[in-house]
């Protein structure tokens, strides 16, 4: 008789930050424990930035990754999605805690004030 091993459930990655939880396996974002509705592009941009906290991404990099297209005229599209995302996840979208602007370059996901 062949012994049966317990099958481990697949790893369910979750990105956890103070006041913000991104459950990748469920495609859910919780702000202070409350579900936040994000569009496909907002969710994609958030996951892309949050997966590498502190790393600076250009608008072109974000656009190519999230939109899955070449980035000829991406500037306003990325800025618009980041603006909407901040309104939904930031405690104060005028003083972002999570998504920081790096002037002349793009954006980064940061921790702390």
PDB file of N, CA and C in Angstrom:
ATOM      1  N   UNK A   1       0.853  -1.193   0.000  1.00  0.00           N
ATOM      2  CA  UNK A   1       0.000   0.000   0.000  1.00  0.00           C
ATOM      3  C   UNK A   1       0.888   1.242   0.000  1.00  0.00           C
ATOM      4  N   UNK A   2       0.528   2.221  -0.799  1.00  0.00           N
ATOM      5  CA  UNK A   2       1.301   3.456  -0.903  1.00  0.00           C
ATOM      6  C   UNK A   2       0.762   4.450   0.111  1.00  0.00           C
ATOM      7  N   UNK A   3       1.655   4.973   0.977  1.00  0.00           N
ATOM      8  CA  UNK A   3       1.168   5.963   1.951  1.00  0.00           C
ATOM      9  C   UNK A   3       0.758   7.258   1.246  1.00  0.00           C
ATOM     10  N   UNK A   4      -0.345   7.806   1.662  1.00  0.00           N
ATOM     11  CA  UNK A   4      -0.825   9.050   1.082  1.00  0.00           C
ATOM     12  C   UNK A   4      -0.331  10.222   1.923  1.00  0.00           C
ATOM     13  N   UNK A   5       0.273  11.176   1.245  1.00  0.00           N
ATOM     14  CA  UNK A   5       0.730  12.364   1.952  1.00  0.00           C
ATOM     15  C   UNK A   5      -0.363  13.424   1.896  1.00  0.00           C
ATOM     16  N   UNK A   6      -0.401  14.223   2.945  1.00  0.00           N
ATOM     17  CA  UNK A   6      -1.358  15.324   2.956  1.00  0.00           C
ATOM     18  C   UNK A   6      -0.982  16.303   1.846  1.00  0.00           C
ATOM     19  N   UNK A   7      -1.962  16.721   1.108  1.00  0.00           N
ATOM     20  CA  UNK A   7      -1.711  17.684   0.039  1.00  0.00           C
ATOM     21  C   UNK A   7      -1.801  19.076   0.642  1.00  0.00           C
ATOM     22  N   UNK A   8      -0.713  19.831   0.467  1.00  0.00           N
ATOM     23  CA  UNK A   8      -0.694  21.196   0.988  1.00  0.00           C
ATOM     24  C   UNK A   8      -1.499  22.099   0.056  1.00  0.00           C
ATOM     25  N   UNK A   9      -2.301  22.966   0.625  1.00  0.00           N
ATOM     26  CA  UNK A   9      -3.016  23.903  -0.247  1.00  0.00           C
ATOM     27  C   UNK A   9      -2.000  24.802  -0.945  1.00  0.00           C
ATOM     28  N   UNK A  10      -2.307  25.244  -2.153  1.00  0.00           N
ATOM     29  CA  UNK A  10      -1.358  26.113  -2.850  1.00  0.00           C
ATOM     30  C   UNK A  10      -1.102  27.383  -2.052  1.00  0.00           C
ATOM     31  N   UNK A  11       0.113  27.873  -2.148  1.00  0.00           N
ATOM     32  CA  UNK A  11       0.477  29.098  -1.433  1.00  0.00           C
ATOM     33  C   UNK A  11      -0.428  30.236  -1.904  1.00  0.00           C
ATOM     34  N   UNK A  12      -0.995  30.938  -0.968  1.00  0.00           N
ATOM     35  CA  UNK A  12      -1.905  32.034  -1.294  1.00  0.00           C
ATOM     36  C   UNK A  12      -1.243  33.351  -0.921  1.00  0.00           C
ATOM     37  N   UNK A  13      -0.574  33.983  -1.861  1.00  0.00           N
ATOM     38  CA  UNK A  13       0.157  35.201  -1.517  1.00  0.00           C
ATOM     39  C   UNK A  13      -0.753  36.364  -1.143  1.00  0.00           C
ATOM     40  N   UNK A  14      -0.342  37.058  -0.111  1.00  0.00           N
ATOM     41  CA  UNK A  14      -1.036  38.248   0.334  1.00  0.00           C
ATOM     42  C   UNK A  14       0.022  39.301   0.630  1.00  0.00           C
ATOM     43  N   UNK A  15      -0.170  40.491   0.112  1.00  0.00           N
ATOM     44  CA  UNK A  15       0.713  41.609   0.419  1.00  0.00           C
ATOM     45  C   UNK A  15       0.053  42.402   1.537  1.00  0.00           C
ATOM     46  N   UNK A  16       0.766  42.536   2.651  1.00  0.00           N
ATOM     47  CA  UNK A  16       0.180  43.205   3.812  1.00  0.00           C
ATOM     48  C   UNK A  16       1.016  44.423   4.183  1.00  0.00           C
ATOM     49  N   UNK A  17       0.332  45.549   4.287  1.00  0.00           N
ATOM     50  CA  UNK A  17       0.950  46.819   4.665  1.00  0.00           C
ATOM     51  C   UNK A  17       0.075  47.433   5.748  1.00  0.00           C
ATOM     52  N   UNK A  18       0.598  48.377   6.525  1.00  0.00           N
ATOM     53  CA  UNK A  18      -0.240  49.000   7.564  1.00  0.00           C
ATOM     54  C   UNK A  18      -1.522  49.591   6.967  1.00  0.00           C
ATOM     55  N   UNK A  19      -2.666  49.050   7.358  1.00  0.00           N
ATOM     56  CA  UNK A  19      -3.960  49.546   6.894  1.00  0.00           C
ATOM     57  C   UNK A  19      -4.377  49.087   5.516  1.00  0.00           C
ATOM     58  N   UNK A  20      -3.543  48.260   4.848  1.00  0.00           N
ATOM     59  CA  UNK A  20      -3.859  47.834   3.481  1.00  0.00           C
ATOM     60  C   UNK A  20      -3.446  46.383   3.285  1.00  0.00           C
ATOM     61  N   UNK A  21      -4.360  45.590   2.739  1.00  0.00           N
ATOM     62  CA  UNK A  21      -4.086  44.175   2.479  1.00  0.00           C
ATOM     63  C   UNK A  21      -4.499  43.857   1.052  1.00  0.00           C
ATOM     64  N   UNK A  22      -3.578  43.228   0.300  1.00  0.00           N
ATOM     65  CA  UNK A  22      -3.856  42.850  -1.083  1.00  0.00           C
ATOM     66  C   UNK A  22      -3.816  41.330  -1.141  1.00  0.00           C
ATOM     67  N   UNK A  23      -4.973  40.720  -1.309  1.00  0.00           N
ATOM     68  CA  UNK A  23      -5.073  39.251  -1.379  1.00  0.00           C
ATOM     69  C   UNK A  23      -5.032  38.849  -2.844  1.00  0.00           C
ATOM     70  N   UNK A  24      -3.845  38.529  -3.317  1.00  0.00           N
ATOM     71  CA  UNK A  24      -3.638  38.250  -4.738  1.00  0.00           C
ATOM     72  C   UNK A  24      -4.452  37.058  -5.221  1.00  0.00           C
ATOM     73  N   UNK A  25      -4.546  36.019  -4.385  1.00  0.00           N
ATOM     74  CA  UNK A  25      -5.266  34.805  -4.784  1.00  0.00           C
ATOM     75  C   UNK A  25      -6.767  35.024  -4.901  1.00  0.00           C
ATOM     76  N   UNK A  26      -7.276  36.074  -4.262  1.00  0.00           N
ATOM     77  CA  UNK A  26      -8.712  36.367  -4.328  1.00  0.00           C
ATOM     78  C   UNK A  26      -9.021  37.611  -5.166  1.00  0.00           C
ATOM     79  N   UNK A  27      -7.955  38.300  -5.617  1.00  0.00           N
ATOM     80  CA  UNK A  27      -8.100  39.567  -6.329  1.00  0.00           C
ATOM     81  C   UNK A  27      -8.926  40.551  -5.504  1.00  0.00           C
ATOM     82  N   UNK A  28      -8.556  40.643  -4.211  1.00  0.00           N
ATOM     83  CA  UNK A  28      -9.265  41.526  -3.283  1.00  0.00           C
ATOM     84  C   UNK A  28      -8.291  42.503  -2.656  1.00  0.00           C
ATOM     85  N   UNK A  29      -8.782  43.712  -2.380  1.00  0.00           N
ATOM     86  CA  UNK A  29      -8.005  44.713  -1.667  1.00  0.00           C
ATOM     87  C   UNK A  29      -8.849  45.167  -0.483  1.00  0.00           C
ATOM     88  N   UNK A  30      -8.236  45.151   0.697  1.00  0.00           N
ATOM     89  CA  UNK A  30      -8.930  45.590   1.900  1.00  0.00           C
ATOM     90  C   UNK A  30      -8.199  46.779   2.501  1.00  0.00           C
ATOM     91  N   UNK A  31      -8.957  47.838   2.768  1.00  0.00           N
ATOM     92  CA  UNK A  31      -8.424  49.019   3.432  1.00  0.00           C
ATOM     93  C   UNK A  31      -9.024  49.032   4.828  1.00  0.00           C
ATOM     94  N   UNK A  32      -8.180  48.894   5.830  1.00  0.00           N
ATOM     95  CA  UNK A  32      -8.639  48.803   7.226  1.00  0.00           C
ATOM     96  C   UNK A  32      -9.718  47.738   7.383  1.00  0.00           C
ATOM     97  N   UNK A  33      -9.548  46.600   6.672  1.00  0.00           N
ATOM     98  CA  UNK A  33     -10.463  45.476   6.788  1.00  0.00           C
ATOM     99  C   UNK A  33     -11.710  45.552   5.919  1.00  0.00           C
ATOM    100  N   UNK A  34     -11.881  46.640   5.185  1.00  0.00           N
ATOM    101  CA  UNK A  34     -13.061  46.817   4.330  1.00  0.00           C
ATOM    102  C   UNK A  34     -12.675  46.613   2.876  1.00  0.00           C
ATOM    103  N   UNK A  35     -13.481  45.833   2.155  1.00  0.00           N
ATOM    104  CA  UNK A  35     -13.231  45.600   0.732  1.00  0.00           C
ATOM    105  C   UNK A  35     -13.311  46.908  -0.038  1.00  0.00           C
ATOM    106  N   UNK A  36     -12.364  47.097  -0.947  1.00  0.00           N
ATOM    107  CA  UNK A  36     -12.332  48.268  -1.822  1.00  0.00           C
ATOM    108  C   UNK A  36     -12.503  47.772  -3.250  1.00  0.00           C
ATOM    109  N   UNK A  37     -13.435  48.377  -3.981  1.00  0.00           N
ATOM    110  CA  UNK A  37     -13.626  48.002  -5.385  1.00  0.00           C
ATOM    111  C   UNK A  37     -12.605  48.750  -6.230  1.00  0.00           C
ATOM    112  N   UNK A  38     -11.827  48.005  -7.017  1.00  0.00           N
ATOM    113  CA  UNK A  38     -10.872  48.599  -7.942  1.00  0.00           C
ATOM    114  C   UNK A  38     -11.149  48.092  -9.347  1.00  0.00           C
ATOM    115  N   UNK A  39     -10.922  48.946 -10.328  1.00  0.00           N
ATOM    116  CA  UNK A  39     -11.038  48.508 -11.717  1.00  0.00           C
ATOM    117  C   UNK A  39      -9.867  47.578 -12.025  1.00  0.00           C
ATOM    118  N   UNK A  40      -9.924  46.936 -13.167  1.00  0.00           N
ATOM    119  CA  UNK A  40      -8.832  46.029 -13.561  1.00  0.00           C
ATOM    120  C   UNK A  40      -7.504  46.783 -13.623  1.00  0.00           C
ATOM    121  N   UNK A  41      -7.510  47.976 -14.183  1.00  0.00           N
ATOM    122  CA  UNK A  41      -6.274  48.750 -14.320  1.00  0.00           C
ATOM    123  C   UNK A  41      -5.769  49.260 -12.969  1.00  0.00           C
ATOM    124  N   UNK A  42      -6.690  49.700 -12.106  1.00  0.00           N
ATOM    125  CA  UNK A  42      -6.281  50.148 -10.762  1.00  0.00           C
ATOM    126  C   UNK A  42      -5.666  49.000  -9.980  1.00  0.00           C
ATOM    127  N   UNK A  43      -6.310  47.844 -10.024  1.00  0.00           N
ATOM    128  CA  UNK A  43      -5.793  46.670  -9.312  1.00  0.00           C
ATOM    129  C   UNK A  43      -4.426  46.265  -9.878  1.00  0.00           C
ATOM    130  N   UNK A  44      -4.300  46.256 -11.193  1.00  0.00           N
ATOM    131  CA  UNK A  44      -3.042  45.890 -11.820  1.00  0.00           C
ATOM    132  C   UNK A  44      -1.911  46.830 -11.431  1.00  0.00           C
ATOM    133  N   UNK A  45      -2.190  48.129 -11.440  1.00  0.00           N
ATOM    134  CA  UNK A  45      -1.177  49.121 -11.074  1.00  0.00           C
ATOM    135  C   UNK A  45      -0.782  48.966  -9.603  1.00  0.00           C
ATOM    136  N   UNK A  46      -1.771  48.761  -8.740  1.00  0.00           N
ATOM    137  CA  UNK A  46      -1.485  48.585  -7.314  1.00  0.00           C
ATOM    138  C   UNK A  46      -0.605  47.361  -7.079  1.00  0.00           C
ATOM    139  N   UNK A  47      -0.962  46.239  -7.663  1.00  0.00           N
ATOM    140  CA  UNK A  47      -0.180  45.011  -7.474  1.00  0.00           C
ATOM    141  C   UNK A  47       1.232  45.161  -8.032  1.00  0.00           C
ATOM    142  N   UNK A  48       1.332  45.804  -9.179  1.00  0.00           N
ATOM    143  CA  UNK A  48       2.639  45.991  -9.814  1.00  0.00           C
ATOM    144  C   UNK A  48       3.560  46.813  -8.911  1.00  0.00           C
ATOM    145  N   UNK A  49       3.050  47.906  -8.358  1.00  0.00           N
ATOM    146  CA  UNK A  49       3.859  48.757  -7.486  1.00  0.00           C
ATOM    147  C   UNK A  49       4.114  48.107  -6.127  1.00  0.00           C
ATOM    148  N   UNK A  50       3.066  47.525  -5.526  1.00  0.00           N
ATOM    149  CA  UNK A  50       3.178  46.975  -4.172  1.00  0.00           C
ATOM    150  C   UNK A  50       4.047  45.727  -4.112  1.00  0.00           C
ATOM    151  N   UNK A  51       4.218  45.029  -5.226  1.00  0.00           N
ATOM    152  CA  UNK A  51       5.050  43.820  -5.237  1.00  0.00           C
ATOM    153  C   UNK A  51       6.538  44.160  -5.059  1.00  0.00           C
ATOM    154  N   UNK A  52       6.904  45.424  -5.301  1.00  0.00           N
ATOM    155  CA  UNK A  52       8.304  45.856  -5.160  1.00  0.00           C
ATOM    156  C   UNK A  52       8.372  47.181  -4.404  1.00  0.00           C
ATOM    157  N   UNK A  53       8.047  47.166  -3.099  1.00  0.00           N
ATOM    158  CA  UNK A  53       8.055  48.422  -2.336  1.00  0.00           C
ATOM    159  C   UNK A  53       9.417  49.113  -2.420  1.00  0.00           C
ATOM    160  N   UNK A  54       9.375  50.416  -2.627  1.00  0.00           N
ATOM    161  CA  UNK A  54      10.595  51.198  -2.680  1.00  0.00           C
ATOM    162  C   UNK A  54      11.210  51.300  -4.067  1.00  0.00           C
ATOM    163  N   UNK A  55      10.831  50.434  -4.976  1.00  0.00           N
ATOM    164  CA  UNK A  55      11.379  50.479  -6.331  1.00  0.00           C
ATOM    165  C   UNK A  55      10.615  51.518  -7.149  1.00  0.00           C
ATOM    166  N   UNK A  56      11.359  52.345  -7.868  1.00  0.00           N
ATOM    167  CA  UNK A  56      10.753  53.388  -8.694  1.00  0.00           C
ATOM    168  C   UNK A  56      10.469  52.826 -10.082  1.00  0.00           C
ATOM    169  N   UNK A  57       9.240  53.046 -10.545  1.00  0.00           N
ATOM    170  CA  UNK A  57       8.826  52.615 -11.875  1.00  0.00           C
ATOM    171  C   UNK A  57       8.450  53.833 -12.699  1.00  0.00           C
ATOM    172  N   UNK A  58       8.852  53.837 -13.967  1.00  0.00           N
ATOM    173  CA  UNK A  58       8.431  54.916 -14.853  1.00  0.00           C
ATOM    174  C   UNK A  58       6.978  54.678 -15.256  1.00  0.00           C
ATOM    175  N   UNK A  59       6.354  55.743 -15.752  1.00  0.00           N
ATOM    176  CA  UNK A  59       4.983  55.594 -16.240  1.00  0.00           C
ATOM    177  C   UNK A  59       4.945  54.596 -17.389  1.00  0.00           C
ATOM    178  N   UNK A  60       5.995  54.591 -18.219  1.00  0.00           N
ATOM    179  CA  UNK A  60       6.048  53.653 -19.342  1.00  0.00           C
ATOM    180  C   UNK A  60       6.105  52.212 -18.848  1.00  0.00           C
ATOM    181  N   UNK A  61       6.895  51.949 -17.796  1.00  0.00           N
ATOM    182  CA  UNK A  61       6.976  50.580 -17.248  1.00  0.00           C
ATOM    183  C   UNK A  61       5.627  50.142 -16.694  1.00  0.00           C
ATOM    184  N   UNK A  62       4.971  51.028 -15.969  1.00  0.00           N
ATOM    185  CA  UNK A  62       3.659  50.700 -15.397  1.00  0.00           C
ATOM    186  C   UNK A  62       2.668  50.435 -16.527  1.00  0.00           C
ATOM    187  N   UNK A  63       2.658  51.308 -17.514  1.00  0.00           N
ATOM    188  CA  UNK A  63       1.723  51.165 -18.634  1.00  0.00           C
ATOM    189  C   UNK A  63       1.936  49.846 -19.360  1.00  0.00           C
ATOM    190  N   UNK A  64       3.180  49.536 -19.707  1.00  0.00           N
ATOM    191  CA  UNK A  64       3.462  48.313 -20.460  1.00  0.00           C
ATOM    192  C   UNK A  64       3.094  47.066 -19.674  1.00  0.00           C
ATOM    193  N   UNK A  65       3.293  47.098 -18.350  1.00  0.00           N
ATOM    194  CA  UNK A  65       2.977  45.931 -17.527  1.00  0.00           C
ATOM    195  C   UNK A  65       1.468  45.773 -17.314  1.00  0.00           C
ATOM    196  N   UNK A  66       0.807  46.857 -16.961  1.00  0.00           N
ATOM    197  CA  UNK A  66      -0.609  46.786 -16.576  1.00  0.00           C
ATOM    198  C   UNK A  66      -1.531  46.758 -17.796  1.00  0.00           C
ATOM    199  N   UNK A  67      -1.233  47.578 -18.777  1.00  0.00           N
ATOM    200  CA  UNK A  67      -2.080  47.638 -19.970  1.00  0.00           C
ATOM    201  C   UNK A  67      -1.701  46.566 -20.981  1.00  0.00           C
ATOM    202  N   UNK A  68      -0.503  45.987 -20.832  1.00  0.00           N
ATOM    203  CA  UNK A  68       0.023  44.982 -21.765  1.00  0.00           C
ATOM    204  C   UNK A  68       0.065  45.529 -23.192  1.00  0.00           C
ATOM    205  N   UNK A  69       0.502  46.756 -23.310  1.00  0.00           N
ATOM    206  CA  UNK A  69       0.623  47.411 -24.605  1.00  0.00           C
ATOM    207  C   UNK A  69       1.903  48.224 -24.628  1.00  0.00           C
ATOM    208  N   UNK A  70       2.328  48.618 -25.812  1.00  0.00           N
ATOM    209  CA  UNK A  70       3.458  49.533 -25.931  1.00  0.00           C
ATOM    210  C   UNK A  70       3.040  50.898 -25.388  1.00  0.00           C
ATOM    211  N   UNK A  71       4.004  51.657 -24.944  1.00  0.00           N
ATOM    212  CA  UNK A  71       3.697  52.891 -24.217  1.00  0.00           C
ATOM    213  C   UNK A  71       4.019  54.150 -25.009  1.00  0.00           C
ATOM    214  N   UNK A  72       3.298  54.400 -26.073  1.00  0.00           N
ATOM    215  CA  UNK A  72       3.570  55.609 -26.838  1.00  0.00           C
ATOM    216  C   UNK A  72       2.930  56.844 -26.202  1.00  0.00           C
ATOM    217  N   UNK A  73       1.703  56.747 -25.775  1.00  0.00           N
ATOM    218  CA  UNK A  73       1.039  57.907 -25.156  1.00  0.00           C
ATOM    219  C   UNK A  73       0.406  57.489 -23.836  1.00  0.00           C
ATOM    220  N   UNK A  74       1.255  57.024 -22.939  1.00  0.00           N
ATOM    221  CA  UNK A  74       0.757  56.433 -21.692  1.00  0.00           C
ATOM    222  C   UNK A  74       0.652  57.420 -20.546  1.00  0.00           C
ATOM    223  N   UNK A  75       1.328  58.562 -20.637  1.00  0.00           N
ATOM    224  CA  UNK A  75       1.481  59.444 -19.480  1.00  0.00           C
ATOM    225  C   UNK A  75       0.151  59.767 -18.780  1.00  0.00           C
ATOM    226  N   UNK A  76      -0.826  60.240 -19.531  1.00  0.00           N
ATOM    227  CA  UNK A  76      -2.081  60.648 -18.900  1.00  0.00           C
ATOM    228  C   UNK A  76      -2.887  59.443 -18.420  1.00  0.00           C
ATOM    229  N   UNK A  77      -2.798  58.313 -19.119  1.00  0.00           N
ATOM    230  CA  UNK A  77      -3.532  57.117 -18.689  1.00  0.00           C
ATOM    231  C   UNK A  77      -3.033  56.633 -17.334  1.00  0.00           C
ATOM    232  N   UNK A  78      -1.728  56.547 -17.166  1.00  0.00           N
ATOM    233  CA  UNK A  78      -1.156  56.082 -15.899  1.00  0.00           C
ATOM    234  C   UNK A  78      -1.468  57.083 -14.793  1.00  0.00           C
ATOM    235  N   UNK A  79      -1.294  58.370 -15.051  1.00  0.00           N
ATOM    236  CA  UNK A  79      -1.562  59.395 -14.044  1.00  0.00           C
ATOM    237  C   UNK A  79      -3.023  59.342 -13.585  1.00  0.00           C
ATOM    238  N   UNK A  80      -3.939  59.123 -14.528  1.00  0.00           N
ATOM    239  CA  UNK A  80      -5.362  59.052 -14.198  1.00  0.00           C
ATOM    240  C   UNK A  80      -5.670  57.847 -13.308  1.00  0.00           C
ATOM    241  N   UNK A  81      -5.110  56.684 -13.640  1.00  0.00           N
ATOM    242  CA  UNK A  81      -5.339  55.475 -12.843  1.00  0.00           C
ATOM    243  C   UNK A  81      -4.735  55.635 -11.444  1.00  0.00           C
ATOM    244  N   UNK A  82      -3.529  56.199 -11.356  1.00  0.00           N
ATOM    245  CA  UNK A  82      -2.892  56.415 -10.051  1.00  0.00           C
ATOM    246  C   UNK A  82      -3.724  57.383  -9.213  1.00  0.00           C
ATOM    247  N   UNK A  83      -4.229  58.431  -9.832  1.00  0.00           N
ATOM    248  CA  UNK A  83      -5.078  59.401  -9.124  1.00  0.00           C
ATOM    249  C   UNK A  83      -6.325  58.722  -8.562  1.00  0.00           C
ATOM    250  N   UNK A  84      -7.015  57.927  -9.370  1.00  0.00           N
ATOM    251  CA  UNK A  84      -8.215  57.219  -8.911  1.00  0.00           C
ATOM    252  C   UNK A  84      -7.882  56.202  -7.822  1.00  0.00           C
ATOM    253  N   UNK A  85      -6.772  55.521  -7.979  1.00  0.00           N
ATOM    254  CA  UNK A  85      -6.338  54.534  -6.998  1.00  0.00           C
ATOM    255  C   UNK A  85      -6.064  55.203  -5.656  1.00  0.00           C
ATOM    256  N   UNK A  86      -5.384  56.336  -5.687  1.00  0.00           N
ATOM    257  CA  UNK A  86      -5.095  57.067  -4.441  1.00  0.00           C
ATOM    258  C   UNK A  86      -6.387  57.469  -3.732  1.00  0.00           C
ATOM    259  N   UNK A  87      -7.395  57.898  -4.484  1.00  0.00           N
ATOM    260  CA  UNK A  87      -8.672  58.299  -3.880  1.00  0.00           C
ATOM    261  C   UNK A  87      -9.304  57.133  -3.117  1.00  0.00           C
ATOM    262  N   UNK A  88      -9.042  55.919  -3.594  1.00  0.00           N
ATOM    263  CA  UNK A  88      -9.673  54.743  -2.990  1.00  0.00           C
ATOM    264  C   UNK A  88      -8.876  54.140  -1.837  1.00  0.00           C
ATOM    265  N   UNK A  89      -7.531  54.174  -1.912  1.00  0.00           N
ATOM    266  CA  UNK A  89      -6.752  53.460  -0.888  1.00  0.00           C
ATOM    267  C   UNK A  89      -5.999  54.351   0.094  1.00  0.00           C
ATOM    268  N   UNK A  90      -5.751  55.596  -0.253  1.00  0.00           N
ATOM    269  CA  UNK A  90      -4.957  56.449   0.622  1.00  0.00           C
ATOM    270  C   UNK A  90      -5.808  57.041   1.744  1.00  0.00           C
ATOM    271  N   UNK A  91      -5.233  57.118   2.960  1.00  0.00           N
ATOM    272  CA  UNK A  91      -5.950  57.809   4.041  1.00  0.00           C
ATOM    273  C   UNK A  91      -6.214  59.278   3.672  1.00  0.00           C
ATOM    274  N   UNK A  92      -5.249  59.930   3.016  1.00  0.00           N
ATOM    275  CA  UNK A  92      -5.396  61.300   2.531  1.00  0.00           C
ATOM    276  C   UNK A  92      -4.726  61.352   1.165  1.00  0.00           C
ATOM    277  N   UNK A  93      -5.524  61.401   0.091  1.00  0.00           N
ATOM    278  CA  UNK A  93      -4.936  61.306  -1.244  1.00  0.00           C
ATOM    279  C   UNK A  93      -4.117  62.532  -1.627  1.00  0.00           C
ATOM    280  N   UNK A  94      -4.210  63.621  -0.850  1.00  0.00           N
ATOM    281  CA  UNK A  94      -3.361  64.787  -1.111  1.00  0.00           C
ATOM    282  C   UNK A  94      -1.964  64.593  -0.516  1.00  0.00           C
ATOM    283  N   UNK A  95      -1.853  63.705   0.475  1.00  0.00           N
ATOM    284  CA  UNK A  95      -0.556  63.375   1.088  1.00  0.00           C
ATOM    285  C   UNK A  95      -0.431  61.851   1.083  1.00  0.00           C
ATOM    286  N   UNK A  96      -0.118  61.269  -0.070  1.00  0.00           N
ATOM    287  CA  UNK A  96      -0.116  59.809  -0.202  1.00  0.00           C
ATOM    288  C   UNK A  96       0.838  59.105   0.758  1.00  0.00           C
ATOM    289  N   UNK A  97       0.350  58.022   1.337  1.00  0.00           N
ATOM    290  CA  UNK A  97       1.150  57.178   2.219  1.00  0.00           C
ATOM    291  C   UNK A  97       1.746  56.021   1.432  1.00  0.00           C
ATOM    292  N   UNK A  98       0.972  55.444   0.520  1.00  0.00           N
ATOM    293  CA  UNK A  98       1.377  54.236  -0.185  1.00  0.00           C
ATOM    294  C   UNK A  98       2.057  54.517  -1.524  1.00  0.00           C
ATOM    295  N   UNK A  99       1.382  55.255  -2.387  1.00  0.00           N
ATOM    296  CA  UNK A  99       1.911  55.483  -3.741  1.00  0.00           C
ATOM    297  C   UNK A  99       2.506  56.883  -3.816  1.00  0.00           C
ATOM    298  N   UNK A 100       3.825  56.926  -3.905  1.00  0.00           N
ATOM    299  CA  UNK A 100       4.561  58.188  -3.935  1.00  0.00           C
ATOM    300  C   UNK A 100       4.917  58.551  -5.366  1.00  0.00           C
ATOM    301  N   UNK A 101       4.868  59.841  -5.669  1.00  0.00           N
ATOM    302  CA  UNK A 101       5.315  60.338  -6.959  1.00  0.00           C
ATOM    303  C   UNK A 101       6.809  60.602  -6.876  1.00  0.00           C
ATOM    304  N   UNK A 102       7.544  60.139  -7.871  1.00  0.00           N
ATOM    305  CA  UNK A 102       8.967  60.450  -7.990  1.00  0.00           C
ATOM    306  C   UNK A 102       9.049  61.424  -9.168  1.00  0.00           C
ATOM    307  N   UNK A 103       9.214  62.714  -8.842  1.00  0.00           N
ATOM    308  CA  UNK A 103       9.141  63.759  -9.862  1.00  0.00           C
ATOM    309  C   UNK A 103      10.083  63.503 -11.028  1.00  0.00           C
ATOM    310  N   UNK A 104       9.545  63.634 -12.216  1.00  0.00           N
ATOM    311  CA  UNK A 104      10.321  63.469 -13.424  1.00  0.00           C
ATOM    312  C   UNK A 104      10.608  62.023 -13.806  1.00  0.00           C
ATOM    313  N   UNK A 105      10.148  61.067 -12.955  1.00  0.00           N
ATOM    314  CA  UNK A 105      10.427  59.655 -13.226  1.00  0.00           C
ATOM    315  C   UNK A 105       9.142  58.843 -13.309  1.00  0.00           C
ATOM    316  N   UNK A 106       8.399  58.770 -12.212  1.00  0.00           N
ATOM    317  CA  UNK A 106       7.189  57.943 -12.182  1.00  0.00           C
ATOM    318  C   UNK A 106       6.661  57.802 -10.771  1.00  0.00           C
ATOM    319  N   UNK A 107       6.497  56.554 -10.334  1.00  0.00           N
ATOM    320  CA  UNK A 107       5.888  56.272  -9.036  1.00  0.00           C
ATOM    321  C   UNK A 107       6.601  55.138  -8.326  1.00  0.00           C
ATOM    322  N   UNK A 108       6.403  55.097  -6.998  1.00  0.00           N
ATOM    323  CA  UNK A 108       6.880  53.962  -6.209  1.00  0.00           C
ATOM    324  C   UNK A 108       5.887  53.708  -5.090  1.00  0.00           C
ATOM    325  N   UNK A 109       5.881  52.471  -4.626  1.00  0.00           N
ATOM    326  CA  UNK A 109       5.059  52.086  -3.479  1.00  0.00           C
ATOM    327  C   UNK A 109       5.957  52.188  -2.260  1.00  0.00           C
ATOM    328  N   UNK A 110       5.569  52.983  -1.283  1.00  0.00           N
ATOM    329  CA  UNK A 110       6.411  53.205  -0.119  1.00  0.00           C
ATOM    330  C   UNK A 110       5.640  52.972   1.160  1.00  0.00           C
ATOM    331  N   UNK A 111       6.363  52.680   2.225  1.00  0.00           N
ATOM    332  CA  UNK A 111       5.748  52.520   3.538  1.00  0.00           C
ATOM    333  C   UNK A 111       6.057  53.748   4.381  1.00  0.00           C
ATOM    334  N   UNK A 112       5.188  54.037   5.320  1.00  0.00           N
ATOM    335  CA  UNK A 112       5.423  55.153   6.220  1.00  0.00           C
ATOM    336  C   UNK A 112       4.918  56.461   5.642  1.00  0.00           C
ATOM    337  N   UNK A 113       5.080  57.487   6.414  1.00  0.00           N
ATOM    338  CA  UNK A 113       4.561  58.812   6.019  1.00  0.00           C
ATOM    339  C   UNK A 113       5.517  59.503   5.079  1.00  0.00           C
TER     340      UNK A 113
END
